[in-house]
Every structure is written in C-alpha cells, then in structure tokens.
Amino acid sequence: MEYLHALSGVFSLLLVSLVGVVLDRAGWVGSETRRLLPKFVTCIALPPYLFCAIVTTFGHEDVRTFLLGAVVPIVSILLTFATALVCGKLFHVKQERFGLFCASFSCSSAVFVGIPLCGALLGPKSIPYALLYYFANAAFFWTVGSYLIAADANRQNSFSGKRAIRAVLSPPFLGFTAGLGAALLNLDIPQWFMNAASTIGQLTTPLALLYIGFSLSLVPKIKGLKDLVLASAGRLLICPLVTLLVVLAFGTDTFVGKVFVLQAALPTVMQASILSAHYQTDPAFGTLVITTTTIGCVLTLPLVMALC
C-alpha cells in the first residue's frame, strides 16, 4: 500500500504527459507551439525555478555543509557518466544522440519524482538527503549534461566555439549558479521578486510534461531500440548499482545510503528532452527514454529497495 502511494507521483506525471498526447491527437498543437515550448521552458521557466529551489532550500551554512556532504552523490554520478561513455562507445550509440544518451544515462529526475517518492517511502527525515543528491545531480546536468546535449548539434554540424560557450552559459545554468551564489552570500531577496520567480518557475513541470506528450504523439515507432534499451538499463539498473557500491565504499550511514540509491534509481531527468529540442538534436529519443524509464521504474524500484 505504501509503495503504491509512493508511485502515485510517477502516475501523475504520466497522466499529464497523456494530456499532451490527447491535445496533439485532437489537433490543438501546431508547429509554432512545438518550437515555442522547449524555448520557453529552457530560457524563461527553468532559470527562476532553479533559482528558487536553491535559495529556499539552502541557507548559507547549509550550502557549505552540503557541498562537503555531496561527495558520495558526485562520485557516483561521475562513475555512472564514465560507464555511459564506455557503453556508448562500446555499443556504437549514434553520434547525433551521444551526448543526450550520456546525460539520460547519468542524470535522474531527482526533484520532480525523487523528493515526493523519498518522502513517501522513507519519511520526511529523508528529504534533506534527497535534496543533497538533487544538488549534485542538478550541478552535473546543468554543466556537463547540458554541454553534451548541445554538443550533439556540433557533431551533426561543424564545431562552433560560440555554440559551446552558449551551452555552458545556458539560462538554466545561470539561474542555478545565481541561486547558489545568493545562498552562499546569504542575500535577502525581496519577497515580491521571489513570488514572481516562483510563479514563473512553477510552469516548468507541467509545460515540460505536456511537451513530452506532444513529442510522444509524433513518434510512430521506436527508433534506435538498442540505444533506448541501453540508456534505460543504465538509468534504472546500472546507476543505482554504482551508487550502492560507492555508498558501501565510503561507509555511508545505512539510511542516507538508501536515500542516495533511491534517488539514483529514478527516471531520466525530463529536461534532457527539452534541451534536445532546444538545440534541435534528437528530442524524440529523449522523450522515449523519459517515458520508458518512468514506466520502467514501477518494476525496478522494488528491486532497488530490496537491495538496500
């Protein structure tokens, strides 16, 4: 019963995506909407969302403590990323989606799915540690991950230094670092500004889910099945296994380790598909990975919880 309650968050995400599919099939979604939505989410909604998440979650001392405590999640994510690179080369993942593959393999939906799921399965005590994993996960995705996804466009075309710099200094990354700086400096942000940023930021999840539904509606069949299976297996099985080994190697507290492994076993971060659409690489593949891992985690989470 507790498990079904915990997974209600996952089913809610799937339901919102299904609304996107229905709207697209009903002819409500045009090409202009498809171009606007990923750009709006990436450049307008995500930066204030990340800013508010950091500022309202971490205080001055919290950031310092969490930076030190983030060693285990950071090491596990880096090792998972190294595994993704090796698997991508070994199994000849298509070059035009290589960066998206690695980002999808390495980064989980640690906040949209992870926070409510940890709270339901492990109780409120788990939330600070779930946020710690989210901190490491977000830092990696909005630096290395976003750069890799943008680099897919460079691999398809000639390399552009301007595009590379723009990928690193993306609006979401700037929002993330601005929030981190504000928390470290203990800045007193005006309430009117926080209210406005929070209102805009709250558009991120529903719009991203609707876009995934729009994209899923356009995918007539699974293309690149090998790459899809490999990315999904990496996200749902290899990543939590690597995290478990790192937790054991560092002698992490059992409860904290369970939170980290649970966060590592979540579906692919949904912004991967949004960024892929923004940089015009392979958003259909990103959408399929997100959908597959979101459905697949219903089967893999019990196994992960049993191992912990």
C-alpha atoms as a PDB file:
ATOM      1  CA  MET A   1       0.000   0.000   0.000  1.00  0.00           C
ATOM      2  CA  GLU A   2       2.834   2.374   0.923  1.00  0.00           C
ATOM      3  CA  TYR A   3       4.597   1.514  -2.327  1.00  0.00           C
ATOM      4  CA  LEU A   4       1.506   2.280  -4.412  1.00  0.00           C
ATOM      5  CA  HIS A   5       1.115   5.581  -2.591  1.00  0.00           C
ATOM      6  CA  ALA A   6       4.740   6.442  -3.337  1.00  0.00           C
ATOM      7  CA  LEU A   7       4.321   5.683  -7.023  1.00  0.00           C
ATOM      8  CA  SER A   8       1.274   7.939  -7.302  1.00  0.00           C
ATOM      9  CA  GLY A   9       3.687  10.768  -8.150  1.00  0.00           C
ATOM     10  CA  VAL A  10       5.006   8.780 -11.123  1.00  0.00           C
ATOM     11  CA  PHE A  11       1.485   8.027 -12.337  1.00  0.00           C
ATOM     12  CA  SER A  12       0.610  11.729 -12.035  1.00  0.00           C
ATOM     13  CA  LEU A  13       3.499  12.621 -14.343  1.00  0.00           C
ATOM     14  CA  LEU A  14       2.390  10.022 -16.867  1.00  0.00           C
ATOM     15  CA  LEU A  15      -1.177  11.330 -16.730  1.00  0.00           C
ATOM     16  CA  VAL A  16      -0.100  14.915 -17.507  1.00  0.00           C
ATOM     17  CA  SER A  17       2.002  13.625 -20.427  1.00  0.00           C
ATOM     18  CA  LEU A  18      -1.054  11.724 -21.642  1.00  0.00           C
ATOM     19  CA  VAL A  19      -2.966  15.022 -21.709  1.00  0.00           C
ATOM     20  CA  GLY A  20      -0.272  16.292 -24.094  1.00  0.00           C
ATOM     21  CA  VAL A  21      -0.771  13.253 -26.329  1.00  0.00           C
ATOM     22  CA  VAL A  22      -4.545  13.794 -26.396  1.00  0.00           C
ATOM     23  CA  LEU A  23      -4.188  17.514 -27.186  1.00  0.00           C
ATOM     24  CA  ASP A  24      -1.818  16.735 -30.042  1.00  0.00           C
ATOM     25  CA  ARG A  25      -4.024  13.991 -31.479  1.00  0.00           C
ATOM     26  CA  ALA A  26      -7.010  16.388 -31.259  1.00  0.00           C
ATOM     27  CA  GLY A  27      -5.149  18.873 -33.471  1.00  0.00           C
ATOM     28  CA  TRP A  28      -4.706  21.569 -30.811  1.00  0.00           C
ATOM     29  CA  VAL A  29      -0.912  21.659 -31.170  1.00  0.00           C
ATOM     30  CA  GLY A  30       0.744  23.348 -34.131  1.00  0.00           C
ATOM     31  CA  SER A  31       4.355  23.614 -35.268  1.00  0.00           C
ATOM     32  CA  GLU A  32       4.693  27.051 -33.652  1.00  0.00           C
ATOM     33  CA  THR A  33       3.777  25.589 -30.252  1.00  0.00           C
ATOM     34  CA  ARG A  34       6.357  22.838 -30.682  1.00  0.00           C
ATOM     35  CA  ARG A  35       9.062  25.425 -31.355  1.00  0.00           C
ATOM     36  CA  LEU A  36       7.964  27.788 -28.597  1.00  0.00           C
ATOM     37  CA  LEU A  37       7.511  25.346 -25.701  1.00  0.00           C
ATOM     38  CA  PRO A  38      11.080  24.000 -25.305  1.00  0.00           C
ATOM     39  CA  LYS A  39      12.492  27.513 -25.768  1.00  0.00           C
ATOM     40  CA  PHE A  40      10.087  28.943 -23.175  1.00  0.00           C
ATOM     41  CA  VAL A  41      10.802  26.197 -20.629  1.00  0.00           C
ATOM     42  CA  THR A  42      14.580  26.371 -21.132  1.00  0.00           C
ATOM     43  CA  CYS A  43      15.022  30.149 -21.218  1.00  0.00           C
ATOM     44  CA  ILE A  44      12.092  31.510 -19.191  1.00  0.00           C
ATOM     45  CA  ALA A  45      10.649  28.950 -16.736  1.00  0.00           C
ATOM     46  CA  LEU A  46      13.661  26.858 -15.698  1.00  0.00           C
ATOM     47  CA  PRO A  47      16.077  29.623 -14.548  1.00  0.00           C
ATOM     48  CA  PRO A  48      13.730  31.059 -11.881  1.00  0.00           C
ATOM     49  CA  TYR A  49      12.665  27.525 -10.903  1.00  0.00           C
ATOM     50  CA  LEU A  50      16.265  26.519 -10.185  1.00  0.00           C
ATOM     51  CA  PHE A  51      16.992  29.861  -8.503  1.00  0.00           C
ATOM     52  CA  CYS A  52      14.031  29.477  -6.121  1.00  0.00           C
ATOM     53  CA  ALA A  53      14.816  25.802  -5.446  1.00  0.00           C
ATOM     54  CA  ILE A  54      18.351  26.633  -4.308  1.00  0.00           C
ATOM     55  CA  VAL A  55      17.533  29.833  -2.370  1.00  0.00           C
ATOM     56  CA  THR A  56      14.566  28.357  -0.493  1.00  0.00           C
ATOM     57  CA  THR A  57      16.254  25.015   0.199  1.00  0.00           C
ATOM     58  CA  PHE A  58      19.763  26.008   1.257  1.00  0.00           C
ATOM     59  CA  GLY A  59      20.926  28.623   3.717  1.00  0.00           C
ATOM     60  CA  HIS A  60      24.474  29.994   3.991  1.00  0.00           C
ATOM     61  CA  GLU A  61      25.732  27.227   6.276  1.00  0.00           C
ATOM     62  CA  ASP A  62      23.625  24.574   4.554  1.00  0.00           C
ATOM     63  CA  VAL A  63      25.390  25.157   1.243  1.00  0.00           C
ATOM     64  CA  ARG A  64      28.819  24.681   2.799  1.00  0.00           C
ATOM     65  CA  THR A  65      27.742  21.546   4.651  1.00  0.00           C
ATOM     66  CA  PHE A  66      26.010  20.125   1.613  1.00  0.00           C
ATOM     67  CA  LEU A  67      28.967  20.879  -0.636  1.00  0.00           C
ATOM     68  CA  LEU A  68      31.118  18.739   1.657  1.00  0.00           C
ATOM     69  CA  GLY A  69      28.436  16.059   2.024  1.00  0.00           C
ATOM     70  CA  ALA A  70      27.847  15.828  -1.722  1.00  0.00           C
ATOM     71  CA  VAL A  71      30.980  13.732  -2.243  1.00  0.00           C
ATOM     72  CA  VAL A  72      29.126  10.398  -2.445  1.00  0.00           C
ATOM     73  CA  PRO A  73      26.462  11.544  -4.952  1.00  0.00           C
ATOM     74  CA  ILE A  74      29.049  13.385  -7.053  1.00  0.00           C
ATOM     75  CA  VAL A  75      31.397  10.381  -7.174  1.00  0.00           C
ATOM     76  CA  SER A  76      28.520   8.022  -8.058  1.00  0.00           C
ATOM     77  CA  ILE A  77      27.244  10.319 -10.816  1.00  0.00           C
ATOM     78  CA  LEU A  78      30.748  10.742 -12.271  1.00  0.00           C
ATOM     79  CA  LEU A  79      31.322   6.969 -12.247  1.00  0.00           C
ATOM     80  CA  THR A  80      27.932   6.422 -13.880  1.00  0.00           C
ATOM     81  CA  PHE A  81      28.843   9.018 -16.505  1.00  0.00           C
ATOM     82  CA  ALA A  82      32.142   7.226 -17.169  1.00  0.00           C
ATOM     83  CA  THR A  83      30.161   3.979 -17.563  1.00  0.00           C
ATOM     84  CA  ALA A  84      27.810   5.728 -20.003  1.00  0.00           C
ATOM     85  CA  LEU A  85      30.776   6.916 -22.086  1.00  0.00           C
ATOM     86  CA  VAL A  86      32.232   3.396 -22.233  1.00  0.00           C
ATOM     87  CA  CYS A  87      28.862   1.793 -23.064  1.00  0.00           C
ATOM     88  CA  GLY A  88      28.132   4.456 -25.687  1.00  0.00           C
ATOM     89  CA  LYS A  89      31.427   3.785 -27.460  1.00  0.00           C
ATOM     90  CA  LEU A  90      31.297   0.022 -27.000  1.00  0.00           C
ATOM     91  CA  PHE A  91      27.753  -0.333 -28.367  1.00  0.00           C
ATOM     92  CA  HIS A  92      28.160   2.338 -31.069  1.00  0.00           C
ATOM     93  CA  VAL A  93      25.451   4.761 -29.939  1.00  0.00           C
ATOM     94  CA  LYS A  94      24.619   7.142 -32.786  1.00  0.00           C
ATOM     95  CA  GLN A  95      26.781  10.257 -32.756  1.00  0.00           C
ATOM     96  CA  GLU A  96      23.841  12.626 -33.201  1.00  0.00           C
ATOM     97  CA  ARG A  97      22.410  11.487 -29.856  1.00  0.00           C
ATOM     98  CA  PHE A  98      25.595  10.528 -27.984  1.00  0.00           C
ATOM     99  CA  GLY A  99      25.512  13.462 -25.560  1.00  0.00           C
ATOM    100  CA  LEU A 100      21.788  13.008 -24.933  1.00  0.00           C
ATOM    101  CA  PHE A 101      22.402   9.304 -24.309  1.00  0.00           C
ATOM    102  CA  CYS A 102      25.116  10.009 -21.721  1.00  0.00           C
ATOM    103  CA  ALA A 103      23.052  12.696 -19.957  1.00  0.00           C
ATOM    104  CA  SER A 104      19.947  10.451 -19.891  1.00  0.00           C
ATOM    105  CA  PHE A 105      22.023   7.517 -18.594  1.00  0.00           C
ATOM    106  CA  SER A 106      23.648   9.587 -15.814  1.00  0.00           C
ATOM    107  CA  CYS A 107      21.015  12.054 -14.528  1.00  0.00           C
ATOM    108  CA  SER A 108      17.775  11.281 -12.707  1.00  0.00           C
ATOM    109  CA  SER A 109      14.573  13.210 -12.099  1.00  0.00           C
ATOM    110  CA  ALA A 110      15.777  13.845  -8.556  1.00  0.00           C
ATOM    111  CA  VAL A 111      13.348  16.642  -7.729  1.00  0.00           C
ATOM    112  CA  PHE A 112      10.088  16.138  -9.692  1.00  0.00           C
ATOM    113  CA  VAL A 113       9.855  12.428  -8.875  1.00  0.00           C
ATOM    114  CA  GLY A 114      12.605  11.950  -6.279  1.00  0.00           C
ATOM    115  CA  ILE A 115      11.546  14.316  -3.498  1.00  0.00           C
ATOM    116  CA  PRO A 116       7.901  13.113  -3.194  1.00  0.00           C
ATOM    117  CA  LEU A 117       8.949   9.484  -3.673  1.00  0.00           C
ATOM    118  CA  CYS A 118      11.615   9.624  -0.933  1.00  0.00           C
ATOM    119  CA  GLY A 119       9.176  11.365   1.388  1.00  0.00           C
ATOM    120  CA  ALA A 120       6.551   8.687   0.826  1.00  0.00           C
ATOM    121  CA  LEU A 121       8.886   5.678   1.038  1.00  0.00           C
ATOM    122  CA  LEU A 122      11.391   6.814   3.673  1.00  0.00           C
ATOM    123  CA  GLY A 123       9.624   9.622   5.513  1.00  0.00           C
ATOM    124  CA  PRO A 124      10.336  13.364   5.993  1.00  0.00           C
ATOM    125  CA  LYS A 125      13.733  12.566   7.512  1.00  0.00           C
ATOM    126  CA  SER A 126      14.951  11.599   4.032  1.00  0.00           C
ATOM    127  CA  ILE A 127      14.182  14.946   2.357  1.00  0.00           C
ATOM    128  CA  PRO A 128      17.452  16.793   3.247  1.00  0.00           C
ATOM    129  CA  TYR A 129      19.497  13.886   1.866  1.00  0.00           C
ATOM    130  CA  ALA A 130      17.263  13.665  -1.201  1.00  0.00           C
ATOM    131  CA  LEU A 131      17.958  17.370  -1.759  1.00  0.00           C
ATOM    132  CA  LEU A 132      21.668  16.688  -1.353  1.00  0.00           C
ATOM    133  CA  TYR A 133      21.532  14.175  -4.212  1.00  0.00           C
ATOM    134  CA  TYR A 134      19.446  16.629  -6.231  1.00  0.00           C
ATOM    135  CA  PHE A 135      22.118  19.281  -5.660  1.00  0.00           C
ATOM    136  CA  ALA A 136      24.846  17.050  -7.124  1.00  0.00           C
ATOM    137  CA  ASN A 137      22.580  15.778  -9.909  1.00  0.00           C
ATOM    138  CA  ALA A 138      21.498  19.291 -10.961  1.00  0.00           C
ATOM    139  CA  ALA A 139      25.049  20.637 -10.834  1.00  0.00           C
ATOM    140  CA  PHE A 140      26.223  17.846 -13.140  1.00  0.00           C
ATOM    141  CA  PHE A 141      23.285  18.066 -15.543  1.00  0.00           C
ATOM    142  CA  TRP A 142      23.371  21.863 -15.965  1.00  0.00           C
ATOM    143  CA  THR A 143      27.123  21.850 -16.604  1.00  0.00           C
ATOM    144  CA  VAL A 144      28.356  18.621 -18.211  1.00  0.00           C
ATOM    145  CA  GLY A 145      24.958  17.259 -19.244  1.00  0.00           C
ATOM    146  CA  SER A 146      23.673  20.407 -20.945  1.00  0.00           C
ATOM    147  CA  TYR A 147      27.009  20.867 -22.703  1.00  0.00           C
ATOM    148  CA  LEU A 148      26.942  17.280 -24.013  1.00  0.00           C
ATOM    149  CA  ILE A 149      23.401  17.671 -25.360  1.00  0.00           C
ATOM    150  CA  ALA A 150      24.339  20.915 -27.105  1.00  0.00           C
ATOM    151  CA  ALA A 151      27.490  19.233 -28.418  1.00  0.00           C
ATOM    152  CA  ASP A 152      25.283  16.770 -30.324  1.00  0.00           C
ATOM    153  CA  ALA A 153      24.437  19.684 -32.623  1.00  0.00           C
ATOM    154  CA  ASN A 154      28.151  20.369 -33.075  1.00  0.00           C
ATOM    155  CA  ARG A 155      28.703  16.743 -34.012  1.00  0.00           C
ATOM    156  CA  GLN A 156      25.977  16.997 -36.641  1.00  0.00           C
ATOM    157  CA  ASN A 157      27.348  20.288 -37.994  1.00  0.00           C
ATOM    158  CA  SER A 158      30.728  21.968 -37.900  1.00  0.00           C
ATOM    159  CA  PHE A 159      32.058  22.772 -34.417  1.00  0.00           C
ATOM    160  CA  SER A 160      31.187  26.241 -33.180  1.00  0.00           C
ATOM    161  CA  GLY A 161      33.021  27.801 -30.225  1.00  0.00           C
ATOM    162  CA  LYS A 162      30.176  30.279 -29.778  1.00  0.00           C
ATOM    163  CA  ARG A 163      27.644  27.424 -29.506  1.00  0.00           C
ATOM    164  CA  ALA A 164      29.880  25.633 -26.996  1.00  0.00           C
ATOM    165  CA  ILE A 165      30.163  28.721 -24.761  1.00  0.00           C
ATOM    166  CA  ARG A 166      26.432  29.370 -25.074  1.00  0.00           C
ATOM    167  CA  ALA A 167      25.749  25.778 -23.999  1.00  0.00           C
ATOM    168  CA  VAL A 168      27.827  26.124 -20.832  1.00  0.00           C
ATOM    169  CA  LEU A 169      26.400  29.562 -20.004  1.00  0.00           C
ATOM    170  CA  SER A 170      22.823  28.467 -20.660  1.00  0.00           C
ATOM    171  CA  PRO A 171      19.932  30.280 -18.910  1.00  0.00           C
ATOM    172  CA  PRO A 172      19.188  27.293 -16.603  1.00  0.00           C
ATOM    173  CA  PHE A 173      22.836  27.090 -15.549  1.00  0.00           C
ATOM    174  CA  LEU A 174      22.901  30.834 -14.868  1.00  0.00           C
ATOM    175  CA  GLY A 175      19.722  30.506 -12.787  1.00  0.00           C
ATOM    176  CA  PHE A 176      21.263  27.610 -10.849  1.00  0.00           C
ATOM    177  CA  THR A 177      24.537  29.440 -10.150  1.00  0.00           C
ATOM    178  CA  ALA A 178      22.708  32.676  -9.271  1.00  0.00           C
ATOM    179  CA  GLY A 179      20.681  30.786  -6.662  1.00  0.00           C
ATOM    180  CA  LEU A 180      23.820  29.131  -5.327  1.00  0.00           C
ATOM    181  CA  GLY A 181      25.581  32.495  -5.080  1.00  0.00           C
ATOM    182  CA  ALA A 182      22.605  34.090  -3.324  1.00  0.00           C
ATOM    183  CA  ALA A 183      22.504  31.252  -0.790  1.00  0.00           C
ATOM    184  CA  LEU A 184      26.268  31.367  -0.165  1.00  0.00           C
ATOM    185  CA  LEU A 185      26.211  35.152   0.311  1.00  0.00           C
ATOM    186  CA  ASN A 186      23.066  34.896   2.434  1.00  0.00           C
ATOM    187  CA  LEU A 187      21.384  37.607   0.355  1.00  0.00           C
ATOM    188  CA  ASP A 188      17.995  38.925   1.435  1.00  0.00           C
ATOM    189  CA  ILE A 189      15.930  38.508  -1.740  1.00  0.00           C
ATOM    190  CA  PRO A 190      12.813  40.752  -1.858  1.00  0.00           C
ATOM    191  CA  GLN A 191       9.609  38.766  -1.400  1.00  0.00           C
ATOM    192  CA  TRP A 192       7.965  40.304  -4.468  1.00  0.00           C
ATOM    193  CA  PHE A 193      10.847  39.027  -6.600  1.00  0.00           C
ATOM    194  CA  MET A 194      10.670  35.536  -5.084  1.00  0.00           C
ATOM    195  CA  ASN A 195       6.906  35.403  -5.646  1.00  0.00           C
ATOM    196  CA  ALA A 196       7.271  36.359  -9.298  1.00  0.00           C
ATOM    197  CA  ALA A 197      10.169  33.920  -9.849  1.00  0.00           C
ATOM    198  CA  SER A 198       8.264  31.125  -8.109  1.00  0.00           C
ATOM    199  CA  THR A 199       5.133  31.736 -10.197  1.00  0.00           C
ATOM    200  CA  ILE A 200       7.072  31.564 -13.454  1.00  0.00           C
ATOM    201  CA  GLY A 201       9.163  28.622 -12.249  1.00  0.00           C
ATOM    202  CA  GLN A 202       6.081  26.585 -11.390  1.00  0.00           C
ATOM    203  CA  LEU A 203       5.285  26.454 -15.109  1.00  0.00           C
ATOM    204  CA  THR A 204       8.337  24.229 -15.669  1.00  0.00           C
ATOM    205  CA  THR A 205       6.937  20.820 -14.740  1.00  0.00           C
ATOM    206  CA  PRO A 206       3.502  20.974 -16.423  1.00  0.00           C
ATOM    207  CA  LEU A 207       4.853  22.530 -19.629  1.00  0.00           C
ATOM    208  CA  ALA A 208       7.731  20.050 -19.814  1.00  0.00           C
ATOM    209  CA  LEU A 209       5.334  17.128 -19.309  1.00  0.00           C
ATOM    210  CA  LEU A 210       2.922  18.462 -21.935  1.00  0.00           C
ATOM    211  CA  TYR A 211       5.803  18.833 -24.389  1.00  0.00           C
ATOM    212  CA  ILE A 212       6.835  15.240 -23.735  1.00  0.00           C
ATOM    213  CA  GLY A 213       3.253  14.228 -24.524  1.00  0.00           C
ATOM    214  CA  PHE A 214       3.295  16.279 -27.748  1.00  0.00           C
ATOM    215  CA  SER A 215       6.579  14.635 -28.779  1.00  0.00           C
ATOM    216  CA  LEU A 216       5.461  11.145 -27.837  1.00  0.00           C
ATOM    217  CA  SER A 217       2.396  11.570 -30.023  1.00  0.00           C
ATOM    218  CA  LEU A 218       4.650  12.137 -33.038  1.00  0.00           C
ATOM    219  CA  VAL A 219       6.815   9.048 -32.535  1.00  0.00           C
ATOM    220  CA  PRO A 220       5.258   6.385 -34.777  1.00  0.00           C
ATOM    221  CA  LYS A 221       7.613   3.626 -33.716  1.00  0.00           C
ATOM    222  CA  ILE A 222      10.653   3.095 -31.549  1.00  0.00           C
ATOM    223  CA  LYS A 223      13.764   4.105 -33.444  1.00  0.00           C
ATOM    224  CA  GLY A 224      17.178   3.087 -32.196  1.00  0.00           C
ATOM    225  CA  LEU A 225      15.877   0.304 -29.930  1.00  0.00           C
ATOM    226  CA  LYS A 226      19.401  -0.706 -28.894  1.00  0.00           C
ATOM    227  CA  ASP A 227      20.268   2.824 -27.736  1.00  0.00           C
ATOM    228  CA  LEU A 228      16.924   3.134 -25.932  1.00  0.00           C
ATOM    229  CA  VAL A 229      17.304  -0.161 -24.048  1.00  0.00           C
ATOM    230  CA  LEU A 230      20.894   0.665 -23.112  1.00  0.00           C
ATOM    231  CA  ALA A 231      20.036   4.164 -21.840  1.00  0.00           C
ATOM    232  CA  SER A 232      17.043   2.847 -19.868  1.00  0.00           C
ATOM    233  CA  ALA A 233      19.034  -0.021 -18.334  1.00  0.00           C
ATOM    234  CA  GLY A 234      21.789   2.405 -17.385  1.00  0.00           C
ATOM    235  CA  ARG A 235      19.350   4.794 -15.730  1.00  0.00           C
ATOM    236  CA  LEU A 236      17.263   2.244 -13.818  1.00  0.00           C
ATOM    237  CA  LEU A 237      19.793  -0.518 -13.039  1.00  0.00           C
ATOM    238  CA  ILE A 238      23.426   0.476 -13.562  1.00  0.00           C
ATOM    239  CA  CYS A 239      23.218   3.906 -11.896  1.00  0.00           C
ATOM    240  CA  PRO A 240      21.684   2.641  -8.609  1.00  0.00           C
ATOM    241  CA  LEU A 241      24.133  -0.276  -8.580  1.00  0.00           C
ATOM    242  CA  VAL A 242      27.116   2.079  -8.989  1.00  0.00           C
ATOM    243  CA  THR A 243      25.691   4.340  -6.266  1.00  0.00           C
ATOM    244  CA  LEU A 244      25.251   1.379  -3.920  1.00  0.00           C
ATOM    245  CA  LEU A 245      28.900   0.377  -4.452  1.00  0.00           C
ATOM    246  CA  VAL A 246      30.056   3.954  -3.762  1.00  0.00           C
ATOM    247  CA  VAL A 247      27.888   4.110  -0.608  1.00  0.00           C
ATOM    248  CA  LEU A 248      29.464   0.868   0.636  1.00  0.00           C
ATOM    249  CA  ALA A 249      32.982   2.034  -0.276  1.00  0.00           C
ATOM    250  CA  PHE A 250      32.557   5.306   1.653  1.00  0.00           C
ATOM    251  CA  GLY A 251      30.904   3.594   4.623  1.00  0.00           C
ATOM    252  CA  THR A 252      27.894   5.911   4.373  1.00  0.00           C
ATOM    253  CA  ASP A 253      25.167   5.664   7.005  1.00  0.00           C
ATOM    254  CA  THR A 254      22.631   2.977   6.001  1.00  0.00           C
ATOM    255  CA  PHE A 255      19.627   5.304   5.923  1.00  0.00           C
ATOM    256  CA  VAL A 256      21.472   8.040   3.997  1.00  0.00           C
ATOM    257  CA  GLY A 257      22.810   5.455   1.572  1.00  0.00           C
ATOM    258  CA  LYS A 258      19.296   4.168   0.936  1.00  0.00           C
ATOM    259  CA  VAL A 259      18.155   7.691   0.054  1.00  0.00           C
ATOM    260  CA  PHE A 260      21.052   8.127  -2.390  1.00  0.00           C
ATOM    261  CA  VAL A 261      20.421   4.771  -4.082  1.00  0.00           C
ATOM    262  CA  LEU A 262      16.695   5.505  -4.359  1.00  0.00           C
ATOM    263  CA  GLN A 263      17.426   8.885  -5.956  1.00  0.00           C
ATOM    264  CA  ALA A 264      19.819   7.189  -8.377  1.00  0.00           C
ATOM    265  CA  ALA A 265      17.126   4.698  -9.460  1.00  0.00           C
ATOM    266  CA  LEU A 266      14.648   7.286 -10.739  1.00  0.00           C
ATOM    267  CA  PRO A 267      13.567   8.046 -14.331  1.00  0.00           C
ATOM    268  CA  THR A 268      15.664  10.208 -16.628  1.00  0.00           C
ATOM    269  CA  VAL A 269      15.604  13.937 -15.932  1.00  0.00           C
ATOM    270  CA  MET A 270      12.838  15.351 -18.123  1.00  0.00           C
ATOM    271  CA  GLN A 271      14.805  18.444 -19.109  1.00  0.00           C
ATOM    272  CA  ALA A 272      17.021  16.219 -21.263  1.00  0.00           C
ATOM    273  CA  SER A 273      14.308  16.058 -23.919  1.00  0.00           C
ATOM    274  CA  ILE A 274      13.570  19.784 -23.565  1.00  0.00           C
ATOM    275  CA  LEU A 275      17.232  20.710 -24.105  1.00  0.00           C
ATOM    276  CA  SER A 276      17.490  18.315 -27.028  1.00  0.00           C
ATOM    277  CA  ALA A 277      14.526  20.069 -28.667  1.00  0.00           C
ATOM    278  CA  HIS A 278      16.009  23.473 -27.833  1.00  0.00           C
ATOM    279  CA  TYR A 279      19.302  22.583 -29.555  1.00  0.00           C
ATOM    280  CA  GLN A 280      17.466  20.696 -32.336  1.00  0.00           C
ATOM    281  CA  THR A 281      19.276  17.385 -31.904  1.00  0.00           C
ATOM    282  CA  ASP A 282      17.139  14.257 -31.177  1.00  0.00           C
ATOM    283  CA  PRO A 283      14.221  15.132 -28.834  1.00  0.00           C
ATOM    284  CA  ALA A 284      12.213  12.074 -29.946  1.00  0.00           C
ATOM    285  CA  PHE A 285      14.878   9.792 -28.467  1.00  0.00           C
ATOM    286  CA  GLY A 286      14.928  11.853 -25.266  1.00  0.00           C
ATOM    287  CA  THR A 287      11.153  11.576 -24.985  1.00  0.00           C
ATOM    288  CA  LEU A 288      11.266   7.806 -25.437  1.00  0.00           C
ATOM    289  CA  VAL A 289      13.956   7.404 -22.753  1.00  0.00           C
ATOM    290  CA  ILE A 290      11.956   9.527 -20.296  1.00  0.00           C
ATOM    291  CA  THR A 291       8.746   7.623 -20.998  1.00  0.00           C
ATOM    292  CA  THR A 292      10.417   4.198 -20.862  1.00  0.00           C
ATOM    293  CA  THR A 293      12.269   4.899 -17.616  1.00  0.00           C
ATOM    294  CA  THR A 294       9.204   6.481 -15.987  1.00  0.00           C
ATOM    295  CA  ILE A 295       7.138   3.363 -16.721  1.00  0.00           C
ATOM    296  CA  GLY A 296      10.052   1.007 -16.065  1.00  0.00           C
ATOM    297  CA  CYS A 297      10.803   2.372 -12.595  1.00  0.00           C
ATOM    298  CA  VAL A 298       7.490   0.883 -11.430  1.00  0.00           C
ATOM    299  CA  LEU A 299       9.143  -2.525 -11.919  1.00  0.00           C
ATOM    300  CA  THR A 300      12.712  -1.706 -10.898  1.00  0.00           C
ATOM    301  CA  LEU A 301      12.131   0.332  -7.732  1.00  0.00           C
ATOM    302  CA  PRO A 302      11.017  -2.683  -5.647  1.00  0.00           C
ATOM    303  CA  LEU A 303      14.221  -4.494  -6.685  1.00  0.00           C
ATOM    304  CA  VAL A 304      16.352  -1.476  -5.760  1.00  0.00           C
ATOM    305  CA  MET A 305      14.614  -1.080  -2.384  1.00  0.00           C
ATOM    306  CA  ALA A 306      15.161  -4.797  -1.685  1.00  0.00           C
ATOM    307  CA  LEU A 307      18.906  -4.489  -2.427  1.00  0.00           C
ATOM    308  CA  CYS A 308      19.178  -1.582   0.009  1.00  0.00           C
END
